[in-house]
Amino acid sequence: MSEGQIIELLQQAMLNVIMLSAPMLGLGLIVGLAVSVFQATTQIQEQTLSFVPKIVSVLVAIIVFGPWILNTIVDYTQDLFMNLNKFIQ
């Protein structure tokens, strides 16, 4: 296995990690920003108010994007095992 093949595998793995985590992180970011603006305008300084909506939004994102995430992981794993001979030689 050459260095180029190892780098290619790592690039594909990192790209998949970024793609698969983006929906949850993006939704958490948007909800967190909205809650922060709401807290700033109403001057409510309750700590739990910022965490609960973010947790719920991330769980909803996992439920909504779960099938896509699973399909992407399965496709990547199948592709990895199908091309295993290319990487071992």
N, C-alpha and C. Protein backbone atom coordinates (compact mmCIF):
# COMPACT_ATOMS: atom_id res chain seq x y z
N MET A 1 0.85 -1.17 0.00
CA MET A 1 0.00 0.00 0.00
C MET A 1 0.90 1.24 0.00
N SER A 2 0.72 2.07 -0.99
CA SER A 2 1.58 3.24 -1.11
C SER A 2 1.02 4.40 -0.28
N GLU A 3 1.86 5.40 -0.15
CA GLU A 3 1.46 6.59 0.62
C GLU A 3 0.29 7.30 -0.04
N GLY A 4 0.27 7.33 -1.36
CA GLY A 4 -0.82 7.99 -2.08
C GLY A 4 -2.17 7.32 -1.82
N GLN A 5 -2.17 6.00 -1.75
CA GLN A 5 -3.42 5.28 -1.48
C GLN A 5 -3.90 5.53 -0.06
N ILE A 6 -2.96 5.58 0.88
CA ILE A 6 -3.34 5.86 2.27
C ILE A 6 -3.92 7.26 2.39
N ILE A 7 -3.30 8.22 1.72
CA ILE A 7 -3.81 9.59 1.75
C ILE A 7 -5.19 9.67 1.11
N GLU A 8 -5.38 8.94 0.01
CA GLU A 8 -6.70 8.92 -0.65
C GLU A 8 -7.77 8.35 0.28
N LEU A 9 -7.46 7.26 0.99
CA LEU A 9 -8.41 6.69 1.94
C LEU A 9 -8.74 7.67 3.06
N LEU A 10 -7.72 8.33 3.58
CA LEU A 10 -7.95 9.30 4.66
C LEU A 10 -8.77 10.50 4.17
N GLN A 11 -8.53 10.94 2.95
CA GLN A 11 -9.30 12.05 2.40
C GLN A 11 -10.77 11.68 2.25
N GLN A 12 -11.02 10.48 1.74
CA GLN A 12 -12.40 10.03 1.59
C GLN A 12 -13.08 9.89 2.95
N ALA A 13 -12.36 9.36 3.93
CA ALA A 13 -12.93 9.18 5.26
C ALA A 13 -13.25 10.54 5.90
N MET A 14 -12.33 11.49 5.79
CA MET A 14 -12.56 12.81 6.38
C MET A 14 -13.68 13.55 5.68
N LEU A 15 -13.78 13.42 4.37
CA LEU A 15 -14.87 14.05 3.63
C LEU A 15 -16.21 13.47 4.06
N ASN A 16 -16.26 12.16 4.26
CA ASN A 16 -17.50 11.53 4.73
C ASN A 16 -17.86 12.00 6.13
N VAL A 17 -16.88 12.12 7.00
CA VAL A 17 -17.16 12.59 8.36
C VAL A 17 -17.73 14.00 8.33
N ILE A 18 -17.16 14.86 7.52
CA ILE A 18 -17.65 16.24 7.43
C ILE A 18 -19.05 16.29 6.83
N MET A 19 -19.27 15.50 5.76
CA MET A 19 -20.59 15.48 5.13
C MET A 19 -21.66 14.93 6.07
N LEU A 20 -21.33 13.90 6.82
CA LEU A 20 -22.32 13.25 7.67
C LEU A 20 -22.62 14.05 8.94
N SER A 21 -21.67 14.83 9.40
CA SER A 21 -21.92 15.61 10.62
C SER A 21 -22.48 17.00 10.32
N ALA A 22 -22.41 17.44 9.08
CA ALA A 22 -22.84 18.80 8.73
C ALA A 22 -24.31 19.09 9.02
N PRO A 23 -25.26 18.19 8.73
CA PRO A 23 -26.66 18.53 9.03
C PRO A 23 -26.92 18.78 10.52
N MET A 24 -26.36 17.93 11.38
CA MET A 24 -26.57 18.11 12.82
C MET A 24 -25.89 19.37 13.33
N LEU A 25 -24.66 19.58 12.89
CA LEU A 25 -23.93 20.77 13.35
C LEU A 25 -24.57 22.06 12.84
N GLY A 26 -24.99 22.03 11.58
CA GLY A 26 -25.62 23.23 11.01
C GLY A 26 -26.93 23.58 11.69
N LEU A 27 -27.76 22.57 11.92
CA LEU A 27 -29.03 22.83 12.59
C LEU A 27 -28.82 23.28 14.03
N GLY A 28 -27.86 22.65 14.71
CA GLY A 28 -27.54 23.08 16.08
C GLY A 28 -27.03 24.51 16.12
N LEU A 29 -26.24 24.88 15.12
CA LEU A 29 -25.73 26.25 15.04
C LEU A 29 -26.85 27.26 14.83
N ILE A 30 -27.76 26.94 13.91
CA ILE A 30 -28.86 27.85 13.61
C ILE A 30 -29.78 28.01 14.83
N VAL A 31 -30.12 26.90 15.47
CA VAL A 31 -31.01 26.97 16.64
C VAL A 31 -30.31 27.68 17.79
N GLY A 32 -29.02 27.40 17.98
CA GLY A 32 -28.27 28.09 19.04
C GLY A 32 -28.20 29.59 18.83
N LEU A 33 -28.03 30.00 17.58
CA LEU A 33 -28.00 31.43 17.27
C LEU A 33 -29.36 32.06 17.51
N ALA A 34 -30.42 31.37 17.10
CA ALA A 34 -31.77 31.90 17.31
C ALA A 34 -32.09 32.02 18.80
N VAL A 35 -31.70 31.04 19.58
CA VAL A 35 -31.95 31.09 21.03
C VAL A 35 -31.13 32.21 21.66
N SER A 36 -29.90 32.39 21.21
CA SER A 36 -29.06 33.46 21.75
C SER A 36 -29.65 34.84 21.45
N VAL A 37 -30.14 35.02 20.24
CA VAL A 37 -30.79 36.29 19.89
C VAL A 37 -32.03 36.49 20.74
N PHE A 38 -32.82 35.44 20.92
CA PHE A 38 -34.02 35.52 21.77
C PHE A 38 -33.65 35.88 23.20
N GLN A 39 -32.60 35.24 23.74
CA GLN A 39 -32.18 35.55 25.11
C GLN A 39 -31.67 36.98 25.23
N ALA A 40 -30.96 37.45 24.21
CA ALA A 40 -30.43 38.81 24.27
C ALA A 40 -31.54 39.84 24.19
N THR A 41 -32.57 39.57 23.39
CA THR A 41 -33.64 40.56 23.26
C THR A 41 -34.57 40.56 24.47
N THR A 42 -34.78 39.41 25.07
CA THR A 42 -35.68 39.35 26.23
C THR A 42 -34.96 39.44 27.56
N GLN A 43 -33.64 39.43 27.54
CA GLN A 43 -32.80 39.49 28.72
C GLN A 43 -33.08 38.34 29.70
N ILE A 44 -33.41 37.18 29.14
CA ILE A 44 -33.56 35.97 29.95
C ILE A 44 -32.20 35.29 29.98
N GLN A 45 -31.67 35.04 31.16
CA GLN A 45 -30.34 34.44 31.28
C GLN A 45 -30.41 33.03 31.86
N GLU A 46 -31.39 32.27 31.45
CA GLU A 46 -31.54 30.90 31.91
C GLU A 46 -30.62 29.99 31.09
N GLN A 47 -29.75 29.24 31.77
CA GLN A 47 -28.77 28.41 31.08
C GLN A 47 -29.40 27.23 30.35
N THR A 48 -30.43 26.63 30.94
CA THR A 48 -31.04 25.46 30.32
C THR A 48 -31.80 25.83 29.05
N LEU A 49 -32.19 27.08 28.93
CA LEU A 49 -32.91 27.52 27.74
C LEU A 49 -32.07 27.40 26.48
N SER A 50 -30.77 27.49 26.62
CA SER A 50 -29.92 27.39 25.44
C SER A 50 -29.61 25.95 25.06
N PHE A 51 -29.60 25.04 26.01
CA PHE A 51 -29.21 23.66 25.72
C PHE A 51 -30.35 22.80 25.20
N VAL A 52 -31.51 22.93 25.79
CA VAL A 52 -32.63 22.04 25.43
C VAL A 52 -33.03 22.17 23.97
N PRO A 53 -33.22 23.38 23.43
CA PRO A 53 -33.58 23.46 22.00
C PRO A 53 -32.51 22.90 21.07
N LYS A 54 -31.23 23.09 21.43
CA LYS A 54 -30.16 22.55 20.58
C LYS A 54 -30.16 21.03 20.60
N ILE A 55 -30.36 20.45 21.76
CA ILE A 55 -30.41 18.99 21.86
C ILE A 55 -31.58 18.43 21.07
N VAL A 56 -32.73 19.07 21.20
CA VAL A 56 -33.91 18.61 20.47
C VAL A 56 -33.70 18.76 18.97
N SER A 57 -33.11 19.86 18.54
CA SER A 57 -32.90 20.06 17.10
C SER A 57 -31.90 19.05 16.53
N VAL A 58 -30.87 18.71 17.29
CA VAL A 58 -29.91 17.71 16.82
C VAL A 58 -30.58 16.34 16.75
N LEU A 59 -31.41 16.00 17.72
CA LEU A 59 -32.13 14.72 17.67
C LEU A 59 -33.08 14.67 16.48
N VAL A 60 -33.76 15.77 16.21
CA VAL A 60 -34.65 15.82 15.04
C VAL A 60 -33.83 15.67 13.75
N ALA A 61 -32.67 16.30 13.70
CA ALA A 61 -31.82 16.18 12.51
C ALA A 61 -31.34 14.74 12.33
N ILE A 62 -31.04 14.06 13.42
CA ILE A 62 -30.63 12.66 13.32
C ILE A 62 -31.77 11.81 12.79
N ILE A 63 -32.98 12.08 13.25
CA ILE A 63 -34.14 11.31 12.78
C ILE A 63 -34.40 11.60 11.30
N VAL A 64 -34.34 12.86 10.91
CA VAL A 64 -34.63 13.23 9.53
C VAL A 64 -33.54 12.76 8.57
N PHE A 65 -32.28 12.99 8.93
CA PHE A 65 -31.16 12.66 8.05
C PHE A 65 -30.60 11.26 8.29
N GLY A 66 -31.15 10.52 9.23
CA GLY A 66 -30.66 9.19 9.56
C GLY A 66 -30.58 8.23 8.39
N PRO A 67 -31.64 8.10 7.59
CA PRO A 67 -31.54 7.18 6.44
C PRO A 67 -30.45 7.58 5.44
N TRP A 68 -30.31 8.86 5.18
CA TRP A 68 -29.26 9.32 4.27
C TRP A 68 -27.88 9.03 4.85
N ILE A 69 -27.71 9.27 6.14
CA ILE A 69 -26.43 9.00 6.79
C ILE A 69 -26.10 7.52 6.71
N LEU A 70 -27.08 6.67 7.00
CA LEU A 70 -26.85 5.23 6.96
C LEU A 70 -26.51 4.77 5.54
N ASN A 71 -27.22 5.26 4.54
CA ASN A 71 -26.92 4.89 3.15
C ASN A 71 -25.52 5.33 2.75
N THR A 72 -25.12 6.51 3.17
CA THR A 72 -23.79 7.01 2.82
C THR A 72 -22.70 6.17 3.48
N ILE A 73 -22.90 5.80 4.73
CA ILE A 73 -21.92 4.97 5.43
C ILE A 73 -21.83 3.59 4.79
N VAL A 74 -22.98 3.02 4.47
CA VAL A 74 -22.99 1.68 3.84
C VAL A 74 -22.33 1.73 2.47
N ASP A 75 -22.62 2.75 1.68
CA ASP A 75 -21.99 2.88 0.36
C ASP A 75 -20.48 3.02 0.47
N TYR A 76 -20.02 3.83 1.42
CA TYR A 76 -18.58 4.01 1.61
C TYR A 76 -17.92 2.70 2.04
N THR A 77 -18.56 1.99 2.96
CA THR A 77 -18.00 0.73 3.44
C THR A 77 -17.97 -0.33 2.33
N GLN A 78 -19.05 -0.41 1.55
CA GLN A 78 -19.06 -1.35 0.43
C GLN A 78 -17.99 -1.01 -0.59
N ASP A 79 -17.84 0.26 -0.89
CA ASP A 79 -16.81 0.70 -1.83
C ASP A 79 -15.42 0.37 -1.30
N LEU A 80 -15.23 0.54 0.00
CA LEU A 80 -13.94 0.24 0.62
C LEU A 80 -13.63 -1.24 0.52
N PHE A 81 -14.60 -2.10 0.82
CA PHE A 81 -14.37 -3.54 0.74
C PHE A 81 -14.25 -4.03 -0.70
N MET A 82 -14.96 -3.43 -1.63
CA MET A 82 -14.85 -3.82 -3.03
C MET A 82 -13.46 -3.50 -3.58
N ASN A 83 -12.88 -2.41 -3.16
CA ASN A 83 -11.57 -1.99 -3.65
C ASN A 83 -10.43 -2.38 -2.72
N LEU A 84 -10.69 -3.32 -1.82
CA LEU A 84 -9.67 -3.73 -0.86
C LEU A 84 -8.45 -4.34 -1.55
N ASN A 85 -8.70 -5.08 -2.62
CA ASN A 85 -7.58 -5.69 -3.36
C ASN A 85 -6.63 -4.63 -3.91
N LYS A 86 -7.21 -3.52 -4.36
CA LYS A 86 -6.39 -2.45 -4.94
C LYS A 86 -5.48 -1.85 -3.88
N PHE A 87 -5.96 -1.76 -2.63
CA PHE A 87 -5.18 -1.12 -1.59
C PHE A 87 -4.18 -2.07 -0.94
N ILE A 88 -4.44 -3.36 -0.96
CA ILE A 88 -3.55 -4.31 -0.31
C ILE A 88 -2.29 -4.56 -1.15
N GLN A 89 -2.42 -4.60 -2.44
CA GLN A 89 -1.28 -4.94 -3.30
C GLN A 89 -0.22 -3.90 -3.31
